[in-house]
């Protein structure tokens, strides 16, 4: 765990792989969301809040392929696993994983 990490630190500007938790404080929810979306990466994010409106807003505005709010359960076989932005294309797991292999068509005929 790393706390109060400056934005100039390497870990704040690259996509880390491995068990690391960066804990930084923000003056407002707007600042936290801006920071969460600042980089071109979006594999997974975790957020904790006691406020339902805050949790709802985080779910809607944080740009990540997977977001766990108030828990750490994002890697389950029955749910999609994948990132957005520069953190990957498409998903693995869950019914969504097959969509990349499908060609959806709509055909209609009268008579």
PDB file of N, CA and C in Angstrom:
ATOM      1  N   UNK A   1       0.837  -1.161   0.000  1.00  0.00           N
ATOM      2  CA  UNK A   1       0.000   0.000   0.000  1.00  0.00           C
ATOM      3  C   UNK A   1       0.893   1.239   0.000  1.00  0.00           C
ATOM      4  N   UNK A   2       0.543   2.193  -0.833  1.00  0.00           N
ATOM      5  CA  UNK A   2       1.237   3.473  -0.904  1.00  0.00           C
ATOM      6  C   UNK A   2       0.232   4.572  -0.604  1.00  0.00           C
ATOM      7  N   UNK A   3       0.599   5.514   0.227  1.00  0.00           N
ATOM      8  CA  UNK A   3      -0.318   6.586   0.603  1.00  0.00           C
ATOM      9  C   UNK A   3       0.277   7.943   0.279  1.00  0.00           C
ATOM     10  N   UNK A   4      -0.604   8.880  -0.068  1.00  0.00           N
ATOM     11  CA  UNK A   4      -0.219  10.255  -0.367  1.00  0.00           C
ATOM     12  C   UNK A   4       0.892  10.327  -1.409  1.00  0.00           C
ATOM     13  N   UNK A   5       0.702   9.617  -2.499  1.00  0.00           N
ATOM     14  CA  UNK A   5       1.690   9.540  -3.577  1.00  0.00           C
ATOM     15  C   UNK A   5       1.533  10.763  -4.488  1.00  0.00           C
ATOM     16  N   UNK A   6       2.614  11.497  -4.767  1.00  0.00           N
ATOM     17  CA  UNK A   6       2.500  12.666  -5.643  1.00  0.00           C
ATOM     18  C   UNK A   6       2.198  12.255  -7.087  1.00  0.00           C
ATOM     19  N   UNK A   7       1.505  13.124  -7.817  1.00  0.00           N
ATOM     20  CA  UNK A   7       1.145  12.834  -9.211  1.00  0.00           C
ATOM     21  C   UNK A   7       2.359  12.678 -10.112  1.00  0.00           C
ATOM     22  N   UNK A   8       3.511  13.175  -9.691  1.00  0.00           N
ATOM     23  CA  UNK A   8       4.722  13.059 -10.497  1.00  0.00           C
ATOM     24  C   UNK A   8       5.393  11.697 -10.359  1.00  0.00           C
ATOM     25  N   UNK A   9       4.954  10.887  -9.414  1.00  0.00           N
ATOM     26  CA  UNK A   9       5.562   9.565  -9.202  1.00  0.00           C
ATOM     27  C   UNK A   9       5.257   8.654 -10.386  1.00  0.00           C
ATOM     28  N   UNK A  10       6.203   7.810 -10.719  1.00  0.00           N
ATOM     29  CA  UNK A  10       6.063   6.892 -11.855  1.00  0.00           C
ATOM     30  C   UNK A  10       4.809   6.029 -11.745  1.00  0.00           C
ATOM     31  N   UNK A  11       4.526   5.527 -10.554  1.00  0.00           N
ATOM     32  CA  UNK A  11       3.378   4.640 -10.372  1.00  0.00           C
ATOM     33  C   UNK A  11       2.044   5.352 -10.611  1.00  0.00           C
ATOM     34  N   UNK A  12       2.051   6.675 -10.555  1.00  0.00           N
ATOM     35  CA  UNK A  12       0.828   7.446 -10.801  1.00  0.00           C
ATOM     36  C   UNK A  12       0.620   7.740 -12.279  1.00  0.00           C
ATOM     37  N   UNK A  13       1.570   7.324 -13.121  1.00  0.00           N
ATOM     38  CA  UNK A  13       1.489   7.651 -14.543  1.00  0.00           C
ATOM     39  C   UNK A  13       1.669   6.456 -15.461  1.00  0.00           C
ATOM     40  N   UNK A  14       1.812   5.278 -14.905  1.00  0.00           N
ATOM     41  CA  UNK A  14       1.915   4.047 -15.678  1.00  0.00           C
ATOM     42  C   UNK A  14       0.878   3.063 -15.157  1.00  0.00           C
ATOM     43  N   UNK A  15       0.557   2.075 -15.953  1.00  0.00           N
ATOM     44  CA  UNK A  15      -0.403   1.063 -15.515  1.00  0.00           C
ATOM     45  C   UNK A  15       0.332  -0.001 -14.706  1.00  0.00           C
ATOM     46  N   UNK A  16       0.125  -0.038 -13.403  1.00  0.00           N
ATOM     47  CA  UNK A  16       0.838  -1.020 -12.582  1.00  0.00           C
ATOM     48  C   UNK A  16       0.199  -2.395 -12.680  1.00  0.00           C
ATOM     49  N   UNK A  17       1.010  -3.424 -12.670  1.00  0.00           N
ATOM     50  CA  UNK A  17       0.515  -4.799 -12.608  1.00  0.00           C
ATOM     51  C   UNK A  17       1.092  -5.416 -11.345  1.00  0.00           C
ATOM     52  N   UNK A  18       0.235  -5.949 -10.544  1.00  0.00           N
ATOM     53  CA  UNK A  18       0.676  -6.549  -9.293  1.00  0.00           C
ATOM     54  C   UNK A  18      -0.172  -6.045  -8.153  1.00  0.00           C
ATOM     55  N   UNK A  19       0.020  -6.625  -7.038  1.00  0.00           N
ATOM     56  CA  UNK A  19      -0.788  -6.209  -5.883  1.00  0.00           C
ATOM     57  C   UNK A  19      -0.276  -4.898  -5.296  1.00  0.00           C
ATOM     58  N   UNK A  20      -0.895  -3.806  -5.696  1.00  0.00           N
ATOM     59  CA  UNK A  20      -0.533  -2.501  -5.161  1.00  0.00           C
ATOM     60  C   UNK A  20      -1.807  -1.683  -4.963  1.00  0.00           C
ATOM     61  N   UNK A  21      -1.879  -1.011  -3.853  1.00  0.00           N
ATOM     62  CA  UNK A  21      -3.004  -0.118  -3.564  1.00  0.00           C
ATOM     63  C   UNK A  21      -2.447   1.272  -3.325  1.00  0.00           C
ATOM     64  N   UNK A  22      -2.915   2.223  -4.119  1.00  0.00           N
ATOM     65  CA  UNK A  22      -2.493   3.606  -3.965  1.00  0.00           C
ATOM     66  C   UNK A  22      -3.646   4.350  -3.304  1.00  0.00           C
ATOM     67  N   UNK A  23      -3.378   4.907  -2.151  1.00  0.00           N
ATOM     68  CA  UNK A  23      -4.401   5.605  -1.383  1.00  0.00           C
ATOM     69  C   UNK A  23      -4.043   7.087  -1.348  1.00  0.00           C
ATOM     70  N   UNK A  24      -4.817   7.887  -2.063  1.00  0.00           N
ATOM     71  CA  UNK A  24      -4.607   9.332  -2.068  1.00  0.00           C
ATOM     72  C   UNK A  24      -5.892  10.028  -1.651  1.00  0.00           C
ATOM     73  N   UNK A  25      -5.753  11.189  -1.052  1.00  0.00           N
ATOM     74  CA  UNK A  25      -6.901  11.968  -0.607  1.00  0.00           C
ATOM     75  C   UNK A  25      -7.254  13.007  -1.659  1.00  0.00           C
ATOM     76  N   UNK A  26      -8.550  13.334  -1.719  1.00  0.00           N
ATOM     77  CA  UNK A  26      -9.027  14.346  -2.653  1.00  0.00           C
ATOM     78  C   UNK A  26      -9.958  15.285  -1.919  1.00  0.00           C
ATOM     79  N   UNK A  27      -9.998  16.527  -2.374  1.00  0.00           N
ATOM     80  CA  UNK A  27     -10.848  17.516  -1.740  1.00  0.00           C
ATOM     81  C   UNK A  27     -12.306  17.393  -2.119  1.00  0.00           C
ATOM     82  N   UNK A  28     -12.575  16.730  -3.239  1.00  0.00           N
ATOM     83  CA  UNK A  28     -13.962  16.580  -3.688  1.00  0.00           C
ATOM     84  C   UNK A  28     -14.100  15.329  -4.539  1.00  0.00           C
ATOM     85  N   UNK A  29     -15.320  14.902  -4.707  1.00  0.00           N
ATOM     86  CA  UNK A  29     -15.602  13.754  -5.572  1.00  0.00           C
ATOM     87  C   UNK A  29     -15.228  14.074  -7.016  1.00  0.00           C
ATOM     88  N   UNK A  30     -15.478  15.299  -7.440  1.00  0.00           N
ATOM     89  CA  UNK A  30     -15.093  15.703  -8.802  1.00  0.00           C
ATOM     90  C   UNK A  30     -13.599  15.502  -9.038  1.00  0.00           C
ATOM     91  N   UNK A  31     -12.765  15.914  -8.068  1.00  0.00           N
ATOM     92  CA  UNK A  31     -11.314  15.738  -8.192  1.00  0.00           C
ATOM     93  C   UNK A  31     -10.938  14.266  -8.271  1.00  0.00           C
ATOM     94  N   UNK A  32     -11.579  13.431  -7.486  1.00  0.00           N
ATOM     95  CA  UNK A  32     -11.279  11.999  -7.492  1.00  0.00           C
ATOM     96  C   UNK A  32     -11.634  11.369  -8.835  1.00  0.00           C
ATOM     97  N   UNK A  33     -12.761  11.748  -9.406  1.00  0.00           N
ATOM     98  CA  UNK A  33     -13.182  11.199 -10.702  1.00  0.00           C
ATOM     99  C   UNK A  33     -12.247  11.672 -11.809  1.00  0.00           C
ATOM    100  N   UNK A  34     -11.854  12.934 -11.777  1.00  0.00           N
ATOM    101  CA  UNK A  34     -10.898  13.444 -12.767  1.00  0.00           C
ATOM    102  C   UNK A  34      -9.598  12.650 -12.699  1.00  0.00           C
ATOM    103  N   UNK A  35      -9.102  12.401 -11.493  1.00  0.00           N
ATOM    104  CA  UNK A  35      -7.863  11.635 -11.338  1.00  0.00           C
ATOM    105  C   UNK A  35      -8.043  10.193 -11.803  1.00  0.00           C
ATOM    106  N   UNK A  36      -9.166   9.587 -11.485  1.00  0.00           N
ATOM    107  CA  UNK A  36      -9.419   8.199 -11.898  1.00  0.00           C
ATOM    108  C   UNK A  36      -9.413   8.060 -13.412  1.00  0.00           C
ATOM    109  N   UNK A  37      -9.835   9.098 -14.120  1.00  0.00           N
ATOM    110  CA  UNK A  37      -9.949   9.046 -15.578  1.00  0.00           C
ATOM    111  C   UNK A  37      -8.790   9.729 -16.300  1.00  0.00           C
ATOM    112  N   UNK A  38      -7.810  10.222 -15.574  1.00  0.00           N
ATOM    113  CA  UNK A  38      -6.736  11.034 -16.158  1.00  0.00           C
ATOM    114  C   UNK A  38      -5.861  10.275 -17.157  1.00  0.00           C
ATOM    115  N   UNK A  39      -5.555   9.042 -16.890  1.00  0.00           N
ATOM    116  CA  UNK A  39      -4.640   8.283 -17.743  1.00  0.00           C
ATOM    117  C   UNK A  39      -5.406   7.473 -18.798  1.00  0.00           C
ATOM    118  N   UNK A  40      -4.720   7.027 -19.849  1.00  0.00           N
ATOM    119  CA  UNK A  40      -5.387   6.257 -20.906  1.00  0.00           C
ATOM    120  C   UNK A  40      -5.541   4.773 -20.568  1.00  0.00           C
ATOM    121  N   UNK A  41      -5.629   4.448 -19.295  1.00  0.00           N
ATOM    122  CA  UNK A  41      -5.763   3.057 -18.869  1.00  0.00           C
ATOM    123  C   UNK A  41      -7.104   2.863 -18.179  1.00  0.00           C
ATOM    124  N   UNK A  42      -7.615   1.651 -18.212  1.00  0.00           N
ATOM    125  CA  UNK A  42      -8.903   1.413 -17.565  1.00  0.00           C
ATOM    126  C   UNK A  42      -9.204  -0.056 -17.394  1.00  0.00           C
ATOM    127  N   UNK A  43      -8.328  -0.807 -16.730  1.00  0.00           N
ATOM    128  CA  UNK A  43      -8.610  -2.222 -16.508  1.00  0.00           C
ATOM    129  C   UNK A  43      -9.546  -2.404 -15.329  1.00  0.00           C
ATOM    130  N   UNK A  44      -9.109  -2.027 -14.147  1.00  0.00           N
ATOM    131  CA  UNK A  44      -9.924  -2.228 -12.954  1.00  0.00           C
ATOM    132  C   UNK A  44      -9.747  -1.070 -11.995  1.00  0.00           C
ATOM    133  N   UNK A  45     -10.783  -0.821 -11.216  1.00  0.00           N
ATOM    134  CA  UNK A  45     -10.725   0.214 -10.189  1.00  0.00           C
ATOM    135  C   UNK A  45     -11.547  -0.244  -8.995  1.00  0.00           C
ATOM    136  N   UNK A  46     -11.193   0.282  -7.863  1.00  0.00           N
ATOM    137  CA  UNK A  46     -11.895  -0.030  -6.619  1.00  0.00           C
ATOM    138  C   UNK A  46     -12.228   1.278  -5.926  1.00  0.00           C
ATOM    139  N   UNK A  47     -13.404   1.350  -5.354  1.00  0.00           N
ATOM    140  CA  UNK A  47     -13.813   2.556  -4.640  1.00  0.00           C
ATOM    141  C   UNK A  47     -14.579   2.153  -3.393  1.00  0.00           C
ATOM    142  N   UNK A  48     -14.492   2.998  -2.408  1.00  0.00           N
ATOM    143  CA  UNK A  48     -15.196   2.763  -1.149  1.00  0.00           C
ATOM    144  C   UNK A  48     -15.936   4.028  -0.763  1.00  0.00           C
ATOM    145  N   UNK A  49     -17.199   3.882  -0.418  1.00  0.00           N
ATOM    146  CA  UNK A  49     -17.994   5.028  -0.002  1.00  0.00           C
ATOM    147  C   UNK A  49     -19.147   4.552   0.866  1.00  0.00           C
ATOM    148  N   UNK A  50     -19.508   5.364   1.836  1.00  0.00           N
ATOM    149  CA  UNK A  50     -20.677   5.086   2.670  1.00  0.00           C
ATOM    150  C   UNK A  50     -21.935   5.715   2.082  1.00  0.00           C
ATOM    151  N   UNK A  51     -21.752   6.564   1.079  1.00  0.00           N
ATOM    152  CA  UNK A  51     -22.851   7.325   0.508  1.00  0.00           C
ATOM    153  C   UNK A  51     -23.346   6.691  -0.787  1.00  0.00           C
ATOM    154  N   UNK A  52     -24.619   6.377  -0.855  1.00  0.00           N
ATOM    155  CA  UNK A  52     -25.201   5.715  -2.031  1.00  0.00           C
ATOM    156  C   UNK A  52     -25.107   6.582  -3.284  1.00  0.00           C
ATOM    157  N   UNK A  53     -25.337   7.876  -3.151  1.00  0.00           N
ATOM    158  CA  UNK A  53     -25.255   8.768  -4.311  1.00  0.00           C
ATOM    159  C   UNK A  53     -23.827   8.832  -4.852  1.00  0.00           C
ATOM    160  N   UNK A  54     -22.846   8.841  -3.960  1.00  0.00           N
ATOM    161  CA  UNK A  54     -21.448   8.843  -4.385  1.00  0.00           C
ATOM    162  C   UNK A  54     -21.117   7.552  -5.112  1.00  0.00           C
ATOM    163  N   UNK A  55     -21.529   6.414  -4.573  1.00  0.00           N
ATOM    164  CA  UNK A  55     -21.271   5.124  -5.216  1.00  0.00           C
ATOM    165  C   UNK A  55     -21.917   5.056  -6.588  1.00  0.00           C
ATOM    166  N   UNK A  56     -23.129   5.563  -6.702  1.00  0.00           N
ATOM    167  CA  UNK A  56     -23.823   5.575  -7.997  1.00  0.00           C
ATOM    168  C   UNK A  56     -23.081   6.442  -8.998  1.00  0.00           C
ATOM    169  N   UNK A  57     -22.634   7.588  -8.565  1.00  0.00           N
ATOM    170  CA  UNK A  57     -21.895   8.486  -9.465  1.00  0.00           C
ATOM    171  C   UNK A  57     -20.571   7.877  -9.895  1.00  0.00           C
ATOM    172  N   UNK A  58     -19.848   7.239  -8.967  1.00  0.00           N
ATOM    173  CA  UNK A  58     -18.605   6.563  -9.331  1.00  0.00           C
ATOM    174  C   UNK A  58     -18.861   5.499 -10.387  1.00  0.00           C
ATOM    175  N   UNK A  59     -19.900   4.704 -10.206  1.00  0.00           N
ATOM    176  CA  UNK A  59     -20.235   3.663 -11.171  1.00  0.00           C
ATOM    177  C   UNK A  59     -20.535   4.210 -12.549  1.00  0.00           C
ATOM    178  N   UNK A  60     -21.115   5.380 -12.605  1.00  0.00           N
ATOM    179  CA  UNK A  60     -21.469   5.988 -13.893  1.00  0.00           C
ATOM    180  C   UNK A  60     -20.312   6.724 -14.549  1.00  0.00           C
ATOM    181  N   UNK A  61     -19.393   7.291 -13.760  1.00  0.00           N
ATOM    182  CA  UNK A  61     -18.402   8.207 -14.325  1.00  0.00           C
ATOM    183  C   UNK A  61     -16.964   7.708 -14.356  1.00  0.00           C
ATOM    184  N   UNK A  62     -16.602   6.715 -13.570  1.00  0.00           N
ATOM    185  CA  UNK A  62     -15.230   6.213 -13.606  1.00  0.00           C
ATOM    186  C   UNK A  62     -15.072   5.323 -14.836  1.00  0.00           C
ATOM    187  N   UNK A  63     -14.112   5.650 -15.683  1.00  0.00           N
ATOM    188  CA  UNK A  63     -13.902   4.964 -16.960  1.00  0.00           C
ATOM    189  C   UNK A  63     -12.979   3.767 -16.761  1.00  0.00           C
ATOM    190  N   UNK A  64     -13.569   2.616 -16.528  1.00  0.00           N
ATOM    191  CA  UNK A  64     -12.811   1.395 -16.303  1.00  0.00           C
ATOM    192  C   UNK A  64     -13.646   0.201 -16.745  1.00  0.00           C
ATOM    193  N   UNK A  65     -12.967  -0.855 -17.153  1.00  0.00           N
ATOM    194  CA  UNK A  65     -13.686  -2.050 -17.587  1.00  0.00           C
ATOM    195  C   UNK A  65     -14.359  -2.777 -16.440  1.00  0.00           C
ATOM    196  N   UNK A  66     -13.783  -2.680 -15.253  1.00  0.00           N
ATOM    197  CA  UNK A  66     -14.333  -3.346 -14.073  1.00  0.00           C
ATOM    198  C   UNK A  66     -14.205  -2.401 -12.889  1.00  0.00           C
ATOM    199  N   UNK A  67     -15.267  -2.232 -12.155  1.00  0.00           N
ATOM    200  CA  UNK A  67     -15.257  -1.362 -10.985  1.00  0.00           C
ATOM    201  C   UNK A  67     -15.936  -2.082  -9.833  1.00  0.00           C
ATOM    202  N   UNK A  68     -15.220  -2.232  -8.740  1.00  0.00           N
ATOM    203  CA  UNK A  68     -15.784  -2.831  -7.528  1.00  0.00           C
ATOM    204  C   UNK A  68     -15.949  -1.725  -6.497  1.00  0.00           C
ATOM    205  N   UNK A  69     -17.160  -1.562  -6.003  1.00  0.00           N
ATOM    206  CA  UNK A  69     -17.441  -0.538  -5.007  1.00  0.00           C
ATOM    207  C   UNK A  69     -17.756  -1.232  -3.681  1.00  0.00           C
ATOM    208  N   UNK A  70     -16.956  -0.945  -2.688  1.00  0.00           N
ATOM    209  CA  UNK A  70     -17.099  -1.480  -1.328  1.00  0.00           C
ATOM    210  C   UNK A  70     -16.831  -2.980  -1.222  1.00  0.00           C
ATOM    211  N   UNK A  71     -16.104  -3.541  -2.174  1.00  0.00           N
ATOM    212  CA  UNK A  71     -15.666  -4.942  -2.097  1.00  0.00           C
ATOM    213  C   UNK A  71     -14.558  -5.165  -3.123  1.00  0.00           C
ATOM    214  N   UNK A  72     -14.005  -6.373  -3.172  1.00  0.00           N
ATOM    215  CA  UNK A  72     -12.912  -6.649  -4.106  1.00  0.00           C
ATOM    216  C   UNK A  72     -13.241  -7.771  -5.081  1.00  0.00           C
ATOM    217  N   UNK A  73     -14.497  -8.122  -5.245  1.00  0.00           N
ATOM    218  CA  UNK A  73     -14.873  -9.267  -6.082  1.00  0.00           C
ATOM    219  C   UNK A  73     -15.125  -8.944  -7.533  1.00  0.00           C
ATOM    220  N   UNK A  74     -14.079  -8.765  -8.332  1.00  0.00           N
ATOM    221  CA  UNK A  74     -14.301  -8.507  -9.755  1.00  0.00           C
ATOM    222  C   UNK A  74     -13.836  -9.646 -10.652  1.00  0.00           C
ATOM    223  N   UNK A  75     -13.093 -10.584 -10.150  1.00  0.00           N
ATOM    224  CA  UNK A  75     -12.548 -11.655 -10.995  1.00  0.00           C
ATOM    225  C   UNK A  75     -13.295 -12.957 -10.721  1.00  0.00           C
ATOM    226  N   UNK A  76     -14.529 -13.008 -11.166  1.00  0.00           N
ATOM    227  CA  UNK A  76     -15.342 -14.211 -11.026  1.00  0.00           C
ATOM    228  C   UNK A  76     -15.573 -14.800 -12.412  1.00  0.00           C
ATOM    229  N   UNK A  77     -15.607 -16.128 -12.567  1.00  0.00           N
ATOM    230  CA  UNK A  77     -15.717 -16.719 -13.896  1.00  0.00           C
ATOM    231  C   UNK A  77     -17.016 -16.397 -14.620  1.00  0.00           C
ATOM    232  N   UNK A  78     -18.072 -16.106 -13.900  1.00  0.00           N
ATOM    233  CA  UNK A  78     -19.356 -15.871 -14.555  1.00  0.00           C
ATOM    234  C   UNK A  78     -19.605 -14.418 -14.942  1.00  0.00           C
ATOM    235  N   UNK A  79     -18.627 -13.550 -14.707  1.00  0.00           N
ATOM    236  CA  UNK A  79     -18.787 -12.138 -15.053  1.00  0.00           C
ATOM    237  C   UNK A  79     -17.720 -11.729 -16.057  1.00  0.00           C
ATOM    238  N   UNK A  80     -17.974 -10.673 -16.825  1.00  0.00           N
ATOM    239  CA  UNK A  80     -16.980 -10.219 -17.809  1.00  0.00           C
ATOM    240  C   UNK A  80     -15.703  -9.744 -17.143  1.00  0.00           C
ATOM    241  N   UNK A  81     -14.570 -10.003 -17.788  1.00  0.00           N
ATOM    242  CA  UNK A  81     -13.270  -9.545 -17.320  1.00  0.00           C
ATOM    243  C   UNK A  81     -12.594  -8.854 -18.487  1.00  0.00           C
ATOM    244  N   UNK A  82     -12.329  -7.574 -18.361  1.00  0.00           N
ATOM    245  CA  UNK A  82     -11.658  -6.868 -19.440  1.00  0.00           C
ATOM    246  C   UNK A  82     -11.571  -5.393 -19.158  1.00  0.00           C
ATOM    247  N   UNK A  83     -10.688  -4.728 -19.890  1.00  0.00           N
ATOM    248  CA  UNK A  83     -10.465  -3.312 -19.690  1.00  0.00           C
ATOM    249  C   UNK A  83     -10.967  -2.487 -20.851  1.00  0.00           C
ATOM    250  N   UNK A  84     -10.850  -1.174 -20.687  1.00  0.00           N
ATOM    251  CA  UNK A  84     -11.180  -0.238 -21.746  1.00  0.00           C
ATOM    252  C   UNK A  84      -9.991   0.679 -21.959  1.00  0.00           C
ATOM    253  N   UNK A  85     -10.100   1.561 -22.911  1.00  0.00           N
ATOM    254  CA  UNK A  85      -9.009   2.470 -23.291  1.00  0.00           C
ATOM    255  C   UNK A  85      -7.792   1.627 -23.688  1.00  0.00           C
ATOM    256  N   UNK A  86      -6.599   1.989 -23.214  1.00  0.00           N
ATOM    257  CA  UNK A  86      -5.379   1.262 -23.573  1.00  0.00           C
ATOM    258  C   UNK A  86      -5.171   0.003 -22.730  1.00  0.00           C
ATOM    259  N   UNK A  87      -6.150  -0.371 -21.941  1.00  0.00           N
ATOM    260  CA  UNK A  87      -6.018  -1.551 -21.069  1.00  0.00           C
ATOM    261  C   UNK A  87      -6.688  -2.791 -21.655  1.00  0.00           C
ATOM    262  N   UNK A  88      -6.906  -2.790 -22.931  1.00  0.00           N
ATOM    263  CA  UNK A  88      -7.433  -4.000 -23.533  1.00  0.00           C
ATOM    264  C   UNK A  88      -8.622  -3.757 -24.421  1.00  0.00           C
ATOM    265  N   UNK A  89      -8.940  -4.777 -25.172  1.00  0.00           N
ATOM    266  CA  UNK A  89     -10.069  -4.725 -26.095  1.00  0.00           C
ATOM    267  C   UNK A  89     -10.912  -5.966 -25.865  1.00  0.00           C
ATOM    268  N   UNK A  90     -12.171  -5.769 -25.602  1.00  0.00           N
ATOM    269  CA  UNK A  90     -13.054  -6.907 -25.406  1.00  0.00           C
ATOM    270  C   UNK A  90     -12.976  -7.452 -23.988  1.00  0.00           C
ATOM    271  N   UNK A  91     -13.712  -8.535 -23.777  1.00  0.00           N
ATOM    272  CA  UNK A  91     -13.763  -9.140 -22.455  1.00  0.00           C
ATOM    273  C   UNK A  91     -13.568 -10.640 -22.539  1.00  0.00           C
ATOM    274  N   UNK A  92     -13.219 -11.199 -21.409  1.00  0.00           N
ATOM    275  CA  UNK A  92     -13.153 -12.645 -21.244  1.00  0.00           C
ATOM    276  C   UNK A  92     -14.178 -12.997 -20.181  1.00  0.00           C
ATOM    277  N   UNK A  93     -14.693 -14.187 -20.204  1.00  0.00           N
ATOM    278  CA  UNK A  93     -15.622 -14.617 -19.173  1.00  0.00           C
ATOM    279  C   UNK A  93     -17.009 -14.044 -19.377  1.00  0.00           C
ATOM    280  N   UNK A  94     -17.969 -14.682 -18.769  1.00  0.00           N
ATOM    281  CA  UNK A  94     -19.348 -14.230 -18.883  1.00  0.00           C
ATOM    282  C   UNK A  94     -19.871 -14.378 -20.302  1.00  0.00           C
ATOM    283  N   UNK A  95     -21.148 -14.146 -20.471  1.00  0.00           N
ATOM    284  CA  UNK A  95     -21.753 -14.285 -21.803  1.00  0.00           C
ATOM    285  C   UNK A  95     -21.235 -13.230 -22.769  1.00  0.00           C
ATOM    286  N   UNK A  96     -20.738 -12.097 -22.258  1.00  0.00           N
ATOM    287  CA  UNK A  96     -20.223 -11.031 -23.115  1.00  0.00           C
ATOM    288  C   UNK A  96     -18.980 -11.450 -23.891  1.00  0.00           C
ATOM    289  N   UNK A  97     -18.246 -12.437 -23.405  1.00  0.00           N
ATOM    290  CA  UNK A  97     -16.998 -12.849 -24.047  1.00  0.00           C
ATOM    291  C   UNK A  97     -17.215 -13.404 -25.451  1.00  0.00           C
ATOM    292  N   UNK A  98     -18.352 -13.978 -25.701  1.00  0.00           N
ATOM    293  CA  UNK A  98     -18.611 -14.581 -27.011  1.00  0.00           C
ATOM    294  C   UNK A  98     -18.975 -13.549 -28.071  1.00  0.00           C
ATOM    295  N   UNK A  99     -19.347 -12.342 -27.656  1.00  0.00           N
ATOM    296  CA  UNK A  99     -19.794 -11.325 -28.610  1.00  0.00           C
ATOM    297  C   UNK A  99     -18.757 -11.010 -29.684  1.00  0.00           C
ATOM    298  N   UNK A 100     -17.482 -11.080 -29.372  1.00  0.00           N
ATOM    299  CA  UNK A 100     -16.443 -10.792 -30.357  1.00  0.00           C
ATOM    300  C   UNK A 100     -16.419 -11.824 -31.482  1.00  0.00           C
ATOM    301  N   UNK A 101     -16.979 -12.982 -31.236  1.00  0.00           N
ATOM    302  CA  UNK A 101     -16.978 -14.049 -32.232  1.00  0.00           C
ATOM    303  C   UNK A 101     -18.279 -14.110 -33.020  1.00  0.00           C
ATOM    304  N   UNK A 102     -19.233 -13.281 -32.690  1.00  0.00           N
ATOM    305  CA  UNK A 102     -20.530 -13.288 -33.340  1.00  0.00           C
ATOM    306  C   UNK A 102     -20.627 -12.185 -34.379  1.00  0.00           C
ATOM    307  N   UNK A 103     -21.455 -12.415 -35.336  1.00  0.00           N
ATOM    308  CA  UNK A 103     -21.771 -11.406 -36.326  1.00  0.00           C
ATOM    309  C   UNK A 103     -23.277 -11.206 -36.250  1.00  0.00           C
ATOM    310  N   UNK A 104     -23.678 -10.154 -35.585  1.00  0.00           N
ATOM    311  CA  UNK A 104     -25.097  -9.908 -35.376  1.00  0.00           C
ATOM    312  C   UNK A 104     -25.704  -9.328 -36.629  1.00  0.00           C
ATOM    313  N   UNK A 105     -26.838  -9.910 -37.025  1.00  0.00           N
ATOM    314  CA  UNK A 105     -27.538  -9.453 -38.226  1.00  0.00           C
ATOM    315  C   UNK A 105     -29.013  -9.346 -37.932  1.00  0.00           C
ATOM    316  N   UNK A 106     -29.684  -8.490 -38.666  1.00  0.00           N
ATOM    317  CA  UNK A 106     -31.130  -8.373 -38.588  1.00  0.00           C
ATOM    318  C   UNK A 106     -31.662  -8.530 -40.005  1.00  0.00           C
ATOM    319  N   UNK A 107     -32.466  -9.544 -40.198  1.00  0.00           N
ATOM    320  CA  UNK A 107     -33.062  -9.796 -41.512  1.00  0.00           C
ATOM    321  C   UNK A 107     -34.571  -9.797 -41.344  1.00  0.00           C
ATOM    322  N   UNK A 108     -35.252  -9.070 -42.181  1.00  0.00           N
ATOM    323  CA  UNK A 108     -36.704  -9.056 -42.143  1.00  0.00           C
ATOM    324  C   UNK A 108     -37.236  -9.327 -43.545  1.00  0.00           C
ATOM    325  N   UNK A 109     -38.380 -10.003 -43.592  1.00  0.00           N
ATOM    326  CA  UNK A 109     -38.955 -10.359 -44.890  1.00  0.00           C
ATOM    327  C   UNK A 109     -40.470 -10.346 -44.773  1.00  0.00           C
ATOM    328  N   UNK A 110     -41.095  -9.841 -45.796  1.00  0.00           N
ATOM    329  CA  UNK A 110     -42.548  -9.846 -45.847  1.00  0.00           C
ATOM    330  C   UNK A 110     -42.950 -10.551 -47.130  1.00  0.00           C
ATOM    331  N   UNK A 111     -43.751 -11.572 -46.979  1.00  0.00           N
ATOM    332  CA  UNK A 111     -44.248 -12.285 -48.141  1.00  0.00           C
ATOM    333  C   UNK A 111     -43.334 -13.331 -48.683  1.00  0.00           C
TER     334      UNK A 111
END
